Structures are given as C-alpha cells and as structure tokens.
Amino acid sequence: MTIETLDDLFLHTLKDVLYAERKILKALPKMERKATDPKLKTALSSHRDETEGQVVRLEEVFDILGKPARGAKCDAMVGLIEEAEGLMADIEDPETMDAALISLAQAVEHYEIARYGTLVAWARQLGHPQAETLLKTTLDEEYGADKALSKLAQQRLNAAAAA
C-alpha cells in the first residue's frame, strides 16, 4: 500500500493496530498461565476481555470507513511479543516472573497508548467523529490498564520480587 495522504496513513495505522491487538490476544493466555499473583492473573484476564472488545471496536471503525477489517503486520508488536516470550522462558523465580510480566504488559500498553492517541487525533482531523469516539474509548481503556498495572507493581509485585 502506497501512503500518500493522511487518510492512507490513518488506514495503514488502523491495520497495524488491528494486527497488534490480535497478536496480543494470542499472547495473553500464556502470560496469564505464567503469572502467580492472583491479582496479576485477574488483571491479565480482564485485559484479555478488554482487548476482545477493542478488536470489535476497531472492526467497527473499518466499517465506518467502508474498508475491510484486515490487519497489516506490526513489526513493533511482533518484537514486543518475541521479547516477552524470551524473557518468560528465562525466568524461573515466580515473583520475578510476575514483575517481568507487568513490565512486558506495560511495554505493550505504552505502544498502544501511542498508537491510539495518534489515531484519535487523526480521526478528528479527518472528520470521522464516530471513529474518534470508538478509538478514544479504547485509548481510555489503555490508560486505565497501564495505571492498574503500575499500582499492582508498586503496591505488591516489585517488593515481592526484590525480597
């Protein structure tokens, strides 16, 4: 796909994010299995459910634009997932694993926050208010997930891993 306009870039980035969200859905169950802290397991499970809803919203955005909901390979997410898989394979201590899982999940959240923030701005600029609303809902969820993970790390998991 040749990208010549902001519309083209918007569509390309939507495809990138759709691929990323689907990749995350495949990775989250393994992260849940590796987690030992019950609150972390719950947070990862909740995020999986949230991500399923985010995929549905992205598909709605594609419908609004009259485009097929097809993902395009997101090299950034492929790299983040590969890093997560490698790190999970290298850690045996359960508390250290939980701290690592939070770090890995937050790396994904921060990527998503950057992407969705951009998509919200572009949807507004391009005159797609329905798409903007859907994307903003997801952006707000990503901020919420990041905040919850930070709280969990600061209140429990980092101290447990350091002990």
C-alpha atoms as a PDB file:
ATOM      1  CA  MET A   1       0.000   0.000   0.000  1.00  0.00           C
ATOM      2  CA  THR A   2       1.398   3.352  -1.028  1.00  0.00           C
ATOM      3  CA  ILE A   3       0.882   6.013   1.618  1.00  0.00           C
ATOM      4  CA  GLU A   4       0.369   9.441   0.080  1.00  0.00           C
ATOM      5  CA  THR A   5      -2.198  11.135   2.306  1.00  0.00           C
ATOM      6  CA  LEU A   6      -3.198  11.327   5.952  1.00  0.00           C
ATOM      7  CA  ASP A   7      -6.202   9.156   5.040  1.00  0.00           C
ATOM      8  CA  ASP A   8      -3.798   6.494   3.756  1.00  0.00           C
ATOM      9  CA  LEU A   9      -1.667   6.762   6.874  1.00  0.00           C
ATOM     10  CA  PHE A  10      -4.750   6.559   9.100  1.00  0.00           C
ATOM     11  CA  LEU A  11      -5.894   3.363   7.367  1.00  0.00           C
ATOM     12  CA  HIS A  12      -2.391   1.873   7.477  1.00  0.00           C
ATOM     13  CA  THR A  13      -2.117   2.574  11.206  1.00  0.00           C
ATOM     14  CA  LEU A  14      -5.558   1.081  11.845  1.00  0.00           C
ATOM     15  CA  LYS A  15      -4.413  -2.101  10.090  1.00  0.00           C
ATOM     16  CA  ASP A  16      -1.226  -2.091  12.150  1.00  0.00           C
ATOM     17  CA  VAL A  17      -3.174  -1.748  15.405  1.00  0.00           C
ATOM     18  CA  LEU A  18      -5.690  -4.433  14.429  1.00  0.00           C
ATOM     19  CA  TYR A  19      -2.830  -6.858  13.807  1.00  0.00           C
ATOM     20  CA  ALA A  20      -1.246  -5.834  17.112  1.00  0.00           C
ATOM     21  CA  GLU A  21      -4.454  -6.366  19.098  1.00  0.00           C
ATOM     22  CA  ARG A  22      -4.960  -9.803  17.573  1.00  0.00           C
ATOM     23  CA  LYS A  23      -1.347 -10.701  18.360  1.00  0.00           C
ATOM     24  CA  ILE A  24      -1.865  -9.569  21.964  1.00  0.00           C
ATOM     25  CA  LEU A  25      -4.956 -11.771  22.247  1.00  0.00           C
ATOM     26  CA  LYS A  26      -2.816 -14.772  21.332  1.00  0.00           C
ATOM     27  CA  ALA A  27      -0.073 -13.860  23.833  1.00  0.00           C
ATOM     28  CA  LEU A  28      -2.193 -13.008  26.878  1.00  0.00           C
ATOM     29  CA  PRO A  29      -3.243 -16.574  27.801  1.00  0.00           C
ATOM     30  CA  LYS A  30       0.412 -17.633  28.098  1.00  0.00           C
ATOM     31  CA  MET A  31       1.135 -14.596  30.253  1.00  0.00           C
ATOM     32  CA  GLU A  32      -1.852 -15.473  32.451  1.00  0.00           C
ATOM     33  CA  ARG A  33      -0.543 -19.030  32.886  1.00  0.00           C
ATOM     34  CA  LYS A  34       2.916 -17.755  33.842  1.00  0.00           C
ATOM     35  CA  ALA A  35       1.567 -15.293  36.429  1.00  0.00           C
ATOM     36  CA  THR A  36       1.458 -16.488  40.030  1.00  0.00           C
ATOM     37  CA  ASP A  37      -0.026 -13.472  41.809  1.00  0.00           C
ATOM     38  CA  PRO A  38      -3.844 -13.767  41.832  1.00  0.00           C
ATOM     39  CA  LYS A  39      -4.362 -10.033  41.251  1.00  0.00           C
ATOM     40  CA  LEU A  40      -1.986 -10.105  38.290  1.00  0.00           C
ATOM     41  CA  LYS A  41      -3.808 -13.120  36.837  1.00  0.00           C
ATOM     42  CA  THR A  42      -7.079 -11.218  37.210  1.00  0.00           C
ATOM     43  CA  ALA A  43      -5.607  -8.084  35.615  1.00  0.00           C
ATOM     44  CA  LEU A  44      -4.296 -10.055  32.626  1.00  0.00           C
ATOM     45  CA  SER A  45      -7.609 -11.886  32.237  1.00  0.00           C
ATOM     46  CA  SER A  46      -9.524  -8.601  32.399  1.00  0.00           C
ATOM     47  CA  HIS A  47      -7.214  -7.101  29.822  1.00  0.00           C
ATOM     48  CA  ARG A  48      -7.813 -10.072  27.522  1.00  0.00           C
ATOM     49  CA  ASP A  49     -11.559  -9.439  27.761  1.00  0.00           C
ATOM     50  CA  GLU A  50     -10.991  -5.718  27.185  1.00  0.00           C
ATOM     51  CA  THR A  51      -8.796  -6.455  24.161  1.00  0.00           C
ATOM     52  CA  GLU A  52     -11.539  -8.568  22.601  1.00  0.00           C
ATOM     53  CA  GLY A  53     -13.817  -5.533  22.847  1.00  0.00           C
ATOM     54  CA  GLN A  54     -11.107  -3.335  21.371  1.00  0.00           C
ATOM     55  CA  VAL A  55     -10.874  -5.610  18.329  1.00  0.00           C
ATOM     56  CA  VAL A  56     -14.644  -5.313  17.878  1.00  0.00           C
ATOM     57  CA  ARG A  57     -14.390  -1.502  18.064  1.00  0.00           C
ATOM     58  CA  LEU A  58     -11.576  -1.495  15.506  1.00  0.00           C
ATOM     59  CA  GLU A  59     -13.727  -3.600  13.191  1.00  0.00           C
ATOM     60  CA  GLU A  60     -16.495  -1.005  13.654  1.00  0.00           C
ATOM     61  CA  VAL A  61     -14.051   1.750  12.668  1.00  0.00           C
ATOM     62  CA  PHE A  62     -13.214  -0.138   9.477  1.00  0.00           C
ATOM     63  CA  ASP A  63     -16.965  -0.454   8.783  1.00  0.00           C
ATOM     64  CA  ILE A  64     -17.432   3.294   9.309  1.00  0.00           C
ATOM     65  CA  LEU A  65     -14.665   3.927   6.781  1.00  0.00           C
ATOM     66  CA  GLY A  66     -16.130   1.388   4.344  1.00  0.00           C
ATOM     67  CA  LYS A  67     -12.918  -0.652   4.398  1.00  0.00           C
ATOM     68  CA  PRO A  68     -12.333  -4.346   5.118  1.00  0.00           C
ATOM     69  CA  ALA A  69     -11.015  -5.061   8.616  1.00  0.00           C
ATOM     70  CA  ARG A  70      -7.665  -6.539   7.650  1.00  0.00           C
ATOM     71  CA  GLY A  71      -4.570  -6.274   9.754  1.00  0.00           C
ATOM     72  CA  ALA A  72      -1.115  -5.434   8.458  1.00  0.00           C
ATOM     73  CA  LYS A  73       1.934  -6.898  10.152  1.00  0.00           C
ATOM     74  CA  CYS A  74       3.004  -4.765  13.084  1.00  0.00           C
ATOM     75  CA  ASP A  75       6.745  -5.260  13.473  1.00  0.00           C
ATOM     76  CA  ALA A  76       6.751  -3.384  16.773  1.00  0.00           C
ATOM     77  CA  MET A  77       4.236  -5.770  18.352  1.00  0.00           C
ATOM     78  CA  VAL A  78       5.992  -8.797  16.888  1.00  0.00           C
ATOM     79  CA  GLY A  79       9.160  -7.555  18.596  1.00  0.00           C
ATOM     80  CA  LEU A  80       7.430  -6.907  21.922  1.00  0.00           C
ATOM     81  CA  ILE A  81       5.846 -10.377  21.911  1.00  0.00           C
ATOM     82  CA  GLU A  82       9.149 -12.036  20.971  1.00  0.00           C
ATOM     83  CA  GLU A  83      10.847 -10.182  23.814  1.00  0.00           C
ATOM     84  CA  ALA A  84       8.114 -11.324  26.206  1.00  0.00           C
ATOM     85  CA  GLU A  85       8.404 -14.950  25.133  1.00  0.00           C
ATOM     86  CA  GLY A  86      12.178 -14.891  25.507  1.00  0.00           C
ATOM     87  CA  LEU A  87      12.057 -13.307  28.931  1.00  0.00           C
ATOM     88  CA  MET A  88       9.342 -15.661  30.165  1.00  0.00           C
ATOM     89  CA  ALA A  89      11.485 -18.615  29.071  1.00  0.00           C
ATOM     90  CA  ASP A  90      14.488 -17.283  31.009  1.00  0.00           C
ATOM     91  CA  ILE A  91      12.813 -16.638  34.387  1.00  0.00           C
ATOM     92  CA  GLU A  92      12.143 -19.343  36.949  1.00  0.00           C
ATOM     93  CA  ASP A  93      11.514 -17.361  40.145  1.00  0.00           C
ATOM     94  CA  PRO A  94       7.727 -16.758  40.427  1.00  0.00           C
ATOM     95  CA  GLU A  95       7.972 -13.294  41.982  1.00  0.00           C
ATOM     96  CA  THR A  96      10.493 -12.171  39.384  1.00  0.00           C
ATOM     97  CA  MET A  97       8.216 -13.596  36.690  1.00  0.00           C
ATOM     98  CA  ASP A  98       5.297 -11.526  37.969  1.00  0.00           C
ATOM     99  CA  ALA A  99       7.412  -8.352  37.964  1.00  0.00           C
ATOM    100  CA  ALA A 100       8.579  -9.157  34.431  1.00  0.00           C
ATOM    101  CA  LEU A 101       5.029  -9.804  33.243  1.00  0.00           C
ATOM    102  CA  ILE A 102       3.944  -6.380  34.487  1.00  0.00           C
ATOM    103  CA  SER A 103       6.885  -4.772  32.709  1.00  0.00           C
ATOM    104  CA  LEU A 104       6.106  -6.622  29.492  1.00  0.00           C
ATOM    105  CA  ALA A 105       2.401  -5.819  29.672  1.00  0.00           C
ATOM    106  CA  GLN A 106       3.195  -2.150  30.241  1.00  0.00           C
ATOM    107  CA  ALA A 107       5.506  -2.077  27.227  1.00  0.00           C
ATOM    108  CA  VAL A 108       2.542  -3.244  25.165  1.00  0.00           C
ATOM    109  CA  GLU A 109       0.228  -0.715  26.848  1.00  0.00           C
ATOM    110  CA  HIS A 110       2.597   2.161  26.136  1.00  0.00           C
ATOM    111  CA  TYR A 111       2.810   1.184  22.472  1.00  0.00           C
ATOM    112  CA  GLU A 112      -0.977   1.030  22.285  1.00  0.00           C
ATOM    113  CA  ILE A 113      -1.372   4.374  24.054  1.00  0.00           C
ATOM    114  CA  ALA A 114       0.930   5.990  21.487  1.00  0.00           C
ATOM    115  CA  ARG A 115      -0.934   4.451  18.564  1.00  0.00           C
ATOM    116  CA  TYR A 116      -4.456   5.102  19.806  1.00  0.00           C
ATOM    117  CA  GLY A 117      -3.584   8.669  20.791  1.00  0.00           C
ATOM    118  CA  THR A 118      -2.415   9.296  17.250  1.00  0.00           C
ATOM    119  CA  LEU A 119      -5.446   7.576  15.730  1.00  0.00           C
ATOM    120  CA  VAL A 120      -7.835   9.674  17.839  1.00  0.00           C
ATOM    121  CA  ALA A 121      -6.147  12.878  16.643  1.00  0.00           C
ATOM    122  CA  TRP A 122      -6.187  11.758  13.016  1.00  0.00           C
ATOM    123  CA  ALA A 123      -9.835  10.653  13.172  1.00  0.00           C
ATOM    124  CA  ARG A 124     -10.710  14.123  14.489  1.00  0.00           C
ATOM    125  CA  GLN A 125      -8.618  15.857  11.810  1.00  0.00           C
ATOM    126  CA  LEU A 126     -10.098  13.733   9.030  1.00  0.00           C
ATOM    127  CA  GLY A 127     -13.691  14.322  10.138  1.00  0.00           C
ATOM    128  CA  HIS A 128     -14.545  10.844  11.419  1.00  0.00           C
ATOM    129  CA  PRO A 129     -16.331  11.613  14.720  1.00  0.00           C
ATOM    130  CA  GLN A 130     -17.753   8.099  15.186  1.00  0.00           C
ATOM    131  CA  ALA A 131     -14.321   6.566  14.662  1.00  0.00           C
ATOM    132  CA  GLU A 132     -12.827   9.150  17.009  1.00  0.00           C
ATOM    133  CA  THR A 133     -15.275   8.180  19.756  1.00  0.00           C
ATOM    134  CA  LEU A 134     -14.584   4.455  19.366  1.00  0.00           C
ATOM    135  CA  LEU A 135     -10.824   4.973  19.331  1.00  0.00           C
ATOM    136  CA  LYS A 136     -10.982   7.324  22.335  1.00  0.00           C
ATOM    137  CA  THR A 137     -12.859   4.668  24.301  1.00  0.00           C
ATOM    138  CA  THR A 138     -10.019   2.249  23.630  1.00  0.00           C
ATOM    139  CA  LEU A 139      -7.388   4.864  24.447  1.00  0.00           C
ATOM    140  CA  ASP A 140      -9.061   5.464  27.811  1.00  0.00           C
ATOM    141  CA  GLU A 141      -9.052   1.714  28.490  1.00  0.00           C
ATOM    142  CA  GLU A 142      -5.348   1.515  27.690  1.00  0.00           C
ATOM    143  CA  TYR A 143      -4.582   4.333  30.120  1.00  0.00           C
ATOM    144  CA  GLY A 144      -6.667   2.563  32.753  1.00  0.00           C
ATOM    145  CA  ALA A 145      -4.892  -0.751  32.236  1.00  0.00           C
ATOM    146  CA  ASP A 146      -1.494   0.931  32.466  1.00  0.00           C
ATOM    147  CA  LYS A 147      -2.464   2.695  35.686  1.00  0.00           C
ATOM    148  CA  ALA A 148      -3.777  -0.540  37.218  1.00  0.00           C
ATOM    149  CA  LEU A 149      -0.576  -2.391  36.302  1.00  0.00           C
ATOM    150  CA  SER A 150       1.570   0.379  37.796  1.00  0.00           C
ATOM    151  CA  LYS A 151      -0.421   0.261  41.018  1.00  0.00           C
ATOM    152  CA  LEU A 152      -0.103  -3.520  41.228  1.00  0.00           C
ATOM    153  CA  ALA A 153       3.646  -3.355  40.623  1.00  0.00           C
ATOM    154  CA  GLN A 154       4.216  -0.582  43.161  1.00  0.00           C
ATOM    155  CA  GLN A 155       1.993  -2.000  45.885  1.00  0.00           C
ATOM    156  CA  ARG A 156       2.924  -5.679  45.674  1.00  0.00           C
ATOM    157  CA  LEU A 157       4.901  -7.247  42.918  1.00  0.00           C
ATOM    158  CA  ASN A 158       8.095  -5.220  42.751  1.00  0.00           C
ATOM    159  CA  ALA A 159       8.645  -5.587  46.503  1.00  0.00           C
ATOM    160  CA  ALA A 160       7.960  -9.327  46.345  1.00  0.00           C
ATOM    161  CA  ALA A 161      10.470  -9.734  43.511  1.00  0.00           C
ATOM    162  CA  ALA A 162      13.093  -7.714  45.393  1.00  0.00           C
ATOM    163  CA  ALA A 163      12.731  -9.754  48.620  1.00  0.00           C
END
